[in-house]
Every structure is written in structure tokens, then in C-alpha cells.
């Protein structure tokens, strides 16, 4: 985690390949790489960053711009990052019964959610 924190400001986000190589160069296992991706994404201040000069949505910075305008999502971005690192990852959509759920509630439309499933260390 500390290594990723130190690297984070200097990581090249111009392409997925350069980002993943920078993030995972010192790690050997998929679990270590996955943790590096997770920590890096957590450290990004996506909604307070400026993307005025970013024009290509097919780059990490381009996707962060989409997220800021709410046309991209964390789970989709995380999945793209994992796949760029050759770590299998899928987005799962369903109902998340969290703090907004009331027992017996019939209308589940406000509870729709998405999360990631990652295949690492021999399991999902």
C-alpha cells in the first residue's frame, strides 16, 4: 500500500498498459497486483480532478473523466484495470440490501447495485 501511495503521483496514466506496468512492476502475484490496483484507484481524487485536456475516453484519464460526468463507474473502471493486468474480473449487477433496505420492502428499484468479482489465488 505504501509503495503505491509513493508511486501514485508519478504514474503514467496515458494508457492502460503504462498504468498497469507502473503499478505492478514490483509485484509477482496476482493478489499483490490486485491490491496495487485497488489502492491506486482508491487514492484517485476523480471528482475533484480536472480533465480539460483529456479527449480520449479509451485511456485511464479519459475514463476517469467519464466517471466525473457520471457516464462511467468505479466497478467498470476497476474491471478494465484488472483485465489490463490479465486478472479475470467481472461486474455483477443485483440488489444490494444495505442501509436503505427495510425488511419486507417490495420496491427494490432503489437498491440496484453493482460490484466486482475477481478471480485471484485460485478462486472468485
N, C-alpha and C. Protein backbone atom coordinates (compact mmCIF):
# COMPACT_ATOMS: atom_id res chain seq x y z
N UNK A 1 0.81 -1.20 0.00
CA UNK A 1 0.00 0.00 0.00
C UNK A 1 0.86 1.27 0.00
N UNK A 2 1.90 1.25 0.83
CA UNK A 2 2.78 2.43 0.90
C UNK A 2 3.51 2.66 -0.41
N UNK A 3 3.91 1.56 -1.06
CA UNK A 3 4.62 1.69 -2.34
C UNK A 3 3.71 2.36 -3.38
N UNK A 4 2.46 1.94 -3.43
CA UNK A 4 1.51 2.53 -4.38
C UNK A 4 1.26 4.00 -4.03
N UNK A 5 1.16 4.31 -2.76
CA UNK A 5 0.98 5.71 -2.34
C UNK A 5 2.14 6.58 -2.82
N UNK A 6 3.35 6.05 -2.72
CA UNK A 6 4.53 6.81 -3.16
C UNK A 6 4.55 6.97 -4.67
N UNK A 7 4.16 5.92 -5.38
CA UNK A 7 4.18 5.95 -6.85
C UNK A 7 3.05 6.78 -7.44
N UNK A 8 1.93 6.80 -6.78
CA UNK A 8 0.69 7.33 -7.34
C UNK A 8 0.82 8.66 -8.09
N UNK A 9 1.46 9.67 -7.53
CA UNK A 9 1.52 10.95 -8.26
C UNK A 9 2.35 10.89 -9.54
N UNK A 10 3.25 9.91 -9.65
CA UNK A 10 4.16 9.85 -10.79
C UNK A 10 3.77 8.79 -11.83
N UNK A 11 2.69 8.10 -11.62
CA UNK A 11 2.31 7.02 -12.52
C UNK A 11 1.77 7.57 -13.84
N UNK A 12 2.23 6.98 -14.92
CA UNK A 12 1.81 7.37 -16.27
C UNK A 12 0.42 6.80 -16.54
N UNK A 13 -0.57 7.66 -16.67
CA UNK A 13 -1.94 7.21 -16.92
C UNK A 13 -2.36 7.45 -18.37
N UNK A 14 -1.39 7.61 -19.26
CA UNK A 14 -1.74 7.89 -20.66
C UNK A 14 -2.34 6.68 -21.36
N UNK A 15 -1.95 5.47 -20.94
CA UNK A 15 -2.53 4.24 -21.49
C UNK A 15 -2.75 3.24 -20.35
N UNK A 16 -3.62 2.28 -20.59
CA UNK A 16 -3.83 1.23 -19.58
C UNK A 16 -2.55 0.42 -19.41
N UNK A 17 -1.86 0.16 -20.50
CA UNK A 17 -0.62 -0.62 -20.44
C UNK A 17 0.43 0.08 -19.57
N UNK A 18 0.64 1.36 -19.79
CA UNK A 18 1.65 2.09 -19.00
C UNK A 18 1.24 2.18 -17.53
N UNK A 19 -0.03 2.38 -17.27
CA UNK A 19 -0.52 2.46 -15.90
C UNK A 19 -0.29 1.14 -15.17
N UNK A 20 -0.71 0.05 -15.79
CA UNK A 20 -0.58 -1.26 -15.14
C UNK A 20 0.88 -1.65 -14.97
N UNK A 21 1.71 -1.39 -15.96
CA UNK A 21 3.14 -1.69 -15.82
C UNK A 21 3.75 -0.92 -14.66
N UNK A 22 3.42 0.35 -14.54
CA UNK A 22 3.95 1.18 -13.45
C UNK A 22 3.46 0.68 -12.09
N UNK A 23 2.19 0.33 -12.03
CA UNK A 23 1.59 -0.10 -10.77
C UNK A 23 2.09 -1.46 -10.29
N UNK A 24 2.29 -2.37 -11.22
CA UNK A 24 2.53 -3.77 -10.83
C UNK A 24 3.95 -4.25 -11.03
N UNK A 25 4.85 -3.39 -11.47
CA UNK A 25 6.22 -3.81 -11.80
C UNK A 25 6.93 -4.54 -10.67
N UNK A 26 6.69 -4.13 -9.45
CA UNK A 26 7.41 -4.72 -8.31
C UNK A 26 6.66 -5.88 -7.65
N UNK A 27 5.56 -6.29 -8.23
CA UNK A 27 4.75 -7.35 -7.62
C UNK A 27 4.76 -8.60 -8.49
N UNK A 28 4.70 -9.76 -7.86
CA UNK A 28 4.77 -11.01 -8.61
C UNK A 28 3.45 -11.77 -8.64
N UNK A 29 2.67 -11.70 -7.58
CA UNK A 29 1.42 -12.47 -7.56
C UNK A 29 0.25 -11.60 -8.02
N UNK A 30 -0.78 -12.27 -8.51
CA UNK A 30 -1.98 -11.54 -8.92
C UNK A 30 -2.63 -10.85 -7.72
N UNK A 31 -2.54 -11.45 -6.55
CA UNK A 31 -3.12 -10.83 -5.36
C UNK A 31 -2.42 -9.51 -5.03
N UNK A 32 -1.11 -9.49 -5.14
CA UNK A 32 -0.36 -8.25 -4.91
C UNK A 32 -0.71 -7.20 -5.96
N UNK A 33 -0.81 -7.63 -7.22
CA UNK A 33 -1.16 -6.71 -8.30
C UNK A 33 -2.57 -6.16 -8.10
N UNK A 34 -3.48 -7.04 -7.71
CA UNK A 34 -4.86 -6.64 -7.46
C UNK A 34 -4.93 -5.59 -6.35
N UNK A 35 -4.17 -5.81 -5.30
CA UNK A 35 -4.14 -4.85 -4.18
C UNK A 35 -3.59 -3.50 -4.65
N UNK A 36 -2.55 -3.54 -5.48
CA UNK A 36 -1.98 -2.30 -6.00
C UNK A 36 -3.01 -1.53 -6.83
N UNK A 37 -3.75 -2.23 -7.66
CA UNK A 37 -4.79 -1.59 -8.48
C UNK A 37 -5.87 -0.99 -7.58
N UNK A 38 -6.31 -1.76 -6.60
CA UNK A 38 -7.35 -1.30 -5.68
C UNK A 38 -6.91 -0.05 -4.92
N UNK A 39 -5.71 -0.07 -4.38
CA UNK A 39 -5.20 1.07 -3.62
C UNK A 39 -5.04 2.29 -4.52
N UNK A 40 -4.49 2.08 -5.72
CA UNK A 40 -4.32 3.21 -6.64
C UNK A 40 -5.67 3.85 -6.96
N UNK A 41 -6.67 3.03 -7.27
CA UNK A 41 -7.98 3.57 -7.60
C UNK A 41 -8.58 4.31 -6.41
N UNK A 42 -8.40 3.75 -5.23
CA UNK A 42 -8.89 4.41 -4.01
C UNK A 42 -8.25 5.79 -3.82
N UNK A 43 -6.98 5.91 -4.17
CA UNK A 43 -6.24 7.16 -3.97
C UNK A 43 -6.59 8.26 -4.99
N UNK A 44 -7.25 7.90 -6.06
CA UNK A 44 -7.57 8.88 -7.09
C UNK A 44 -8.69 9.80 -6.64
N UNK A 45 -8.49 11.07 -6.79
CA UNK A 45 -9.48 12.07 -6.44
C UNK A 45 -10.25 12.43 -7.71
N UNK A 46 -11.00 11.48 -8.20
CA UNK A 46 -11.62 11.58 -9.52
C UNK A 46 -12.56 12.78 -9.65
N UNK A 47 -13.39 13.00 -8.67
CA UNK A 47 -14.42 14.04 -8.80
C UNK A 47 -13.89 15.45 -8.60
N UNK A 48 -12.71 15.59 -8.02
CA UNK A 48 -12.13 16.92 -7.84
C UNK A 48 -11.00 17.21 -8.82
N UNK A 49 -10.72 16.28 -9.71
CA UNK A 49 -9.64 16.46 -10.69
C UNK A 49 -10.17 17.17 -11.93
N UNK A 50 -9.24 17.74 -12.69
CA UNK A 50 -9.59 18.44 -13.92
C UNK A 50 -9.15 17.60 -15.12
N UNK A 51 -10.01 17.52 -16.11
CA UNK A 51 -9.75 16.70 -17.29
C UNK A 51 -9.93 17.52 -18.56
N UNK A 52 -9.70 18.81 -18.49
CA UNK A 52 -9.95 19.70 -19.63
C UNK A 52 -9.22 19.28 -20.89
N UNK A 53 -8.01 18.80 -20.76
CA UNK A 53 -7.21 18.43 -21.94
C UNK A 53 -7.35 16.96 -22.33
N UNK A 54 -8.14 16.23 -21.59
CA UNK A 54 -8.33 14.80 -21.87
C UNK A 54 -9.41 14.65 -22.93
N UNK A 55 -9.05 14.03 -24.06
CA UNK A 55 -10.01 13.88 -25.15
C UNK A 55 -10.29 12.42 -25.51
N UNK A 56 -9.40 11.51 -25.12
CA UNK A 56 -9.56 10.11 -25.49
C UNK A 56 -10.20 9.33 -24.35
N UNK A 57 -11.46 8.89 -24.50
CA UNK A 57 -12.13 8.16 -23.42
C UNK A 57 -11.59 6.74 -23.23
N UNK A 58 -10.72 6.31 -24.13
CA UNK A 58 -10.18 4.94 -24.06
C UNK A 58 -8.85 4.88 -23.33
N UNK A 59 -8.56 5.89 -22.52
CA UNK A 59 -7.38 5.92 -21.67
C UNK A 59 -7.84 5.96 -20.22
N UNK A 60 -6.97 5.63 -19.28
CA UNK A 60 -7.39 5.72 -17.87
C UNK A 60 -7.89 7.12 -17.49
N UNK A 61 -7.18 8.17 -17.88
CA UNK A 61 -7.64 9.53 -17.56
C UNK A 61 -8.95 9.84 -18.27
N UNK A 62 -9.09 9.32 -19.48
CA UNK A 62 -10.34 9.52 -20.21
C UNK A 62 -11.51 8.87 -19.51
N UNK A 63 -11.28 7.67 -18.96
CA UNK A 63 -12.37 7.00 -18.26
C UNK A 63 -12.68 7.71 -16.94
N UNK A 64 -11.65 8.24 -16.29
CA UNK A 64 -11.90 9.00 -15.06
C UNK A 64 -12.74 10.24 -15.36
N UNK A 65 -12.52 10.83 -16.52
CA UNK A 65 -13.35 11.97 -16.94
C UNK A 65 -14.80 11.53 -17.10
N UNK A 66 -15.00 10.34 -17.69
CA UNK A 66 -16.36 9.80 -17.82
C UNK A 66 -16.99 9.58 -16.45
N UNK A 67 -16.19 9.09 -15.51
CA UNK A 67 -16.70 8.87 -14.16
C UNK A 67 -17.13 10.19 -13.51
N UNK A 68 -16.34 11.21 -13.72
CA UNK A 68 -16.66 12.52 -13.14
C UNK A 68 -17.99 13.04 -13.68
N UNK A 69 -18.27 12.77 -14.95
CA UNK A 69 -19.53 13.22 -15.54
C UNK A 69 -20.63 12.17 -15.37
N UNK A 70 -20.35 11.16 -14.58
CA UNK A 70 -21.29 10.09 -14.23
C UNK A 70 -21.76 9.27 -15.43
N UNK A 71 -20.87 9.14 -16.42
CA UNK A 71 -21.15 8.22 -17.53
C UNK A 71 -20.23 7.01 -17.47
N UNK A 72 -19.42 6.94 -16.44
CA UNK A 72 -18.55 5.80 -16.16
C UNK A 72 -18.74 5.41 -14.71
N UNK A 73 -18.28 4.22 -14.34
CA UNK A 73 -18.47 3.76 -12.97
C UNK A 73 -17.19 3.16 -12.40
N UNK A 74 -17.10 3.16 -11.08
CA UNK A 74 -15.94 2.56 -10.42
C UNK A 74 -15.82 1.08 -10.77
N UNK A 75 -16.93 0.36 -10.74
CA UNK A 75 -16.84 -1.08 -10.99
C UNK A 75 -16.38 -1.37 -12.42
N UNK A 76 -16.81 -0.59 -13.39
CA UNK A 76 -16.36 -0.80 -14.76
C UNK A 76 -14.88 -0.43 -14.92
N UNK A 77 -14.46 0.65 -14.29
CA UNK A 77 -13.06 1.07 -14.37
C UNK A 77 -12.16 0.04 -13.69
N UNK A 78 -12.56 -0.42 -12.51
CA UNK A 78 -11.79 -1.43 -11.80
C UNK A 78 -11.66 -2.70 -12.65
N UNK A 79 -12.75 -3.09 -13.30
CA UNK A 79 -12.73 -4.27 -14.17
C UNK A 79 -11.76 -4.06 -15.33
N UNK A 80 -11.78 -2.90 -15.95
CA UNK A 80 -10.85 -2.62 -17.05
C UNK A 80 -9.40 -2.68 -16.58
N UNK A 81 -9.13 -2.14 -15.39
CA UNK A 81 -7.77 -2.16 -14.85
C UNK A 81 -7.32 -3.59 -14.57
N UNK A 82 -8.18 -4.39 -13.97
CA UNK A 82 -7.84 -5.79 -13.70
C UNK A 82 -7.57 -6.54 -14.99
N UNK A 83 -8.42 -6.37 -15.97
CA UNK A 83 -8.24 -7.07 -17.24
C UNK A 83 -6.97 -6.63 -17.95
N UNK A 84 -6.60 -5.36 -17.81
CA UNK A 84 -5.35 -4.88 -18.39
C UNK A 84 -4.15 -5.55 -17.73
N UNK A 85 -4.33 -5.99 -16.49
CA UNK A 85 -3.28 -6.70 -15.76
C UNK A 85 -3.41 -8.21 -15.91
N UNK A 86 -4.28 -8.66 -16.82
CA UNK A 86 -4.55 -10.09 -17.05
C UNK A 86 -5.09 -10.79 -15.81
N UNK A 87 -5.87 -10.07 -15.03
CA UNK A 87 -6.55 -10.64 -13.87
C UNK A 87 -8.04 -10.69 -14.21
N UNK A 88 -8.63 -11.90 -14.27
CA UNK A 88 -10.04 -12.01 -14.62
C UNK A 88 -10.94 -11.26 -13.62
N UNK A 89 -11.85 -10.47 -14.17
CA UNK A 89 -12.74 -9.66 -13.33
C UNK A 89 -14.04 -9.45 -14.08
N UNK A 90 -15.15 -9.53 -13.37
CA UNK A 90 -16.46 -9.30 -13.96
C UNK A 90 -17.28 -8.39 -13.06
N UNK A 91 -18.15 -7.63 -13.69
CA UNK A 91 -19.10 -6.80 -12.94
C UNK A 91 -20.36 -7.63 -12.73
N UNK A 92 -20.83 -7.63 -11.50
CA UNK A 92 -22.07 -8.33 -11.14
C UNK A 92 -23.09 -7.26 -10.77
N UNK A 93 -24.27 -7.38 -11.33
CA UNK A 93 -25.34 -6.43 -11.01
C UNK A 93 -26.43 -7.17 -10.25
N UNK A 94 -26.98 -6.48 -9.27
CA UNK A 94 -28.03 -7.10 -8.46
C UNK A 94 -28.60 -6.12 -7.46
N UNK A 95 -29.22 -6.68 -6.45
CA UNK A 95 -29.84 -5.90 -5.39
C UNK A 95 -28.91 -5.91 -4.18
N UNK A 96 -28.58 -4.73 -3.70
CA UNK A 96 -27.74 -4.60 -2.51
C UNK A 96 -28.60 -4.16 -1.33
N UNK A 97 -28.87 -5.10 -0.44
CA UNK A 97 -29.71 -4.78 0.72
C UNK A 97 -28.84 -4.18 1.82
N UNK A 98 -28.59 -2.90 1.69
CA UNK A 98 -27.78 -2.18 2.67
C UNK A 98 -28.64 -1.38 3.62
N UNK A 99 -28.15 -0.23 4.01
CA UNK A 99 -28.86 0.60 4.99
C UNK A 99 -30.16 1.20 4.47
N UNK A 100 -30.36 1.19 3.17
CA UNK A 100 -31.60 1.73 2.60
C UNK A 100 -32.72 0.68 2.56
N UNK A 101 -32.39 -0.57 2.86
CA UNK A 101 -33.37 -1.65 2.79
C UNK A 101 -34.17 -1.74 4.08
N UNK A 102 -35.49 -1.87 3.92
CA UNK A 102 -36.38 -2.11 5.06
C UNK A 102 -36.97 -3.50 4.90
N UNK A 103 -36.96 -4.28 5.97
CA UNK A 103 -37.49 -5.65 5.93
C UNK A 103 -38.91 -5.63 5.38
N UNK A 104 -39.14 -6.49 4.39
CA UNK A 104 -40.45 -6.58 3.76
C UNK A 104 -40.64 -5.60 2.61
N UNK A 105 -39.67 -4.79 2.34
CA UNK A 105 -39.77 -3.79 1.27
C UNK A 105 -40.02 -4.48 -0.07
N UNK A 106 -40.99 -4.00 -0.82
CA UNK A 106 -41.34 -4.59 -2.10
C UNK A 106 -40.63 -3.91 -3.28
N UNK A 107 -40.49 -2.60 -3.22
CA UNK A 107 -39.85 -1.86 -4.31
C UNK A 107 -38.34 -1.90 -4.13
N UNK A 108 -37.69 -2.64 -5.00
CA UNK A 108 -36.24 -2.81 -4.90
C UNK A 108 -35.47 -1.91 -5.87
N UNK A 109 -36.16 -1.05 -6.61
CA UNK A 109 -35.50 -0.25 -7.65
C UNK A 109 -34.40 0.65 -7.09
N UNK A 110 -34.55 1.14 -5.88
CA UNK A 110 -33.52 2.00 -5.29
C UNK A 110 -32.35 1.20 -4.74
N UNK A 111 -32.46 -0.12 -4.74
CA UNK A 111 -31.42 -0.96 -4.16
C UNK A 111 -30.53 -1.61 -5.23
N UNK A 112 -30.77 -1.26 -6.49
CA UNK A 112 -29.94 -1.82 -7.56
C UNK A 112 -28.50 -1.39 -7.36
N UNK A 113 -27.60 -2.35 -7.53
CA UNK A 113 -26.19 -2.09 -7.24
C UNK A 113 -25.32 -2.88 -8.21
N UNK A 114 -24.03 -2.65 -8.13
CA UNK A 114 -23.06 -3.40 -8.93
C UNK A 114 -21.78 -3.55 -8.12
N UNK A 115 -21.11 -4.66 -8.30
CA UNK A 115 -19.84 -4.90 -7.63
C UNK A 115 -18.99 -5.80 -8.51
N UNK A 116 -17.76 -6.00 -8.13
CA UNK A 116 -16.82 -6.77 -8.94
C UNK A 116 -16.53 -8.12 -8.31
N UNK A 117 -16.40 -9.12 -9.17
CA UNK A 117 -15.90 -10.43 -8.76
C UNK A 117 -14.57 -10.61 -9.47
N UNK A 118 -13.54 -10.95 -8.71
CA UNK A 118 -12.19 -11.09 -9.25
C UNK A 118 -11.69 -12.51 -9.01
N UNK A 119 -11.13 -13.13 -10.04
CA UNK A 119 -10.55 -14.45 -9.89
C UNK A 119 -9.08 -14.28 -9.53
N UNK A 120 -8.75 -14.61 -8.29
CA UNK A 120 -7.38 -14.44 -7.81
C UNK A 120 -7.09 -15.53 -6.78
N UNK A 121 -5.86 -16.00 -6.76
CA UNK A 121 -5.41 -17.02 -5.81
C UNK A 121 -6.28 -18.27 -5.87
N UNK A 122 -6.71 -18.62 -7.08
CA UNK A 122 -7.45 -19.86 -7.30
C UNK A 122 -8.93 -19.81 -7.03
N UNK A 123 -9.49 -18.64 -6.83
CA UNK A 123 -10.94 -18.57 -6.59
C UNK A 123 -11.49 -17.19 -6.85
N UNK A 124 -12.82 -17.14 -6.92
CA UNK A 124 -13.53 -15.88 -7.14
C UNK A 124 -13.79 -15.20 -5.82
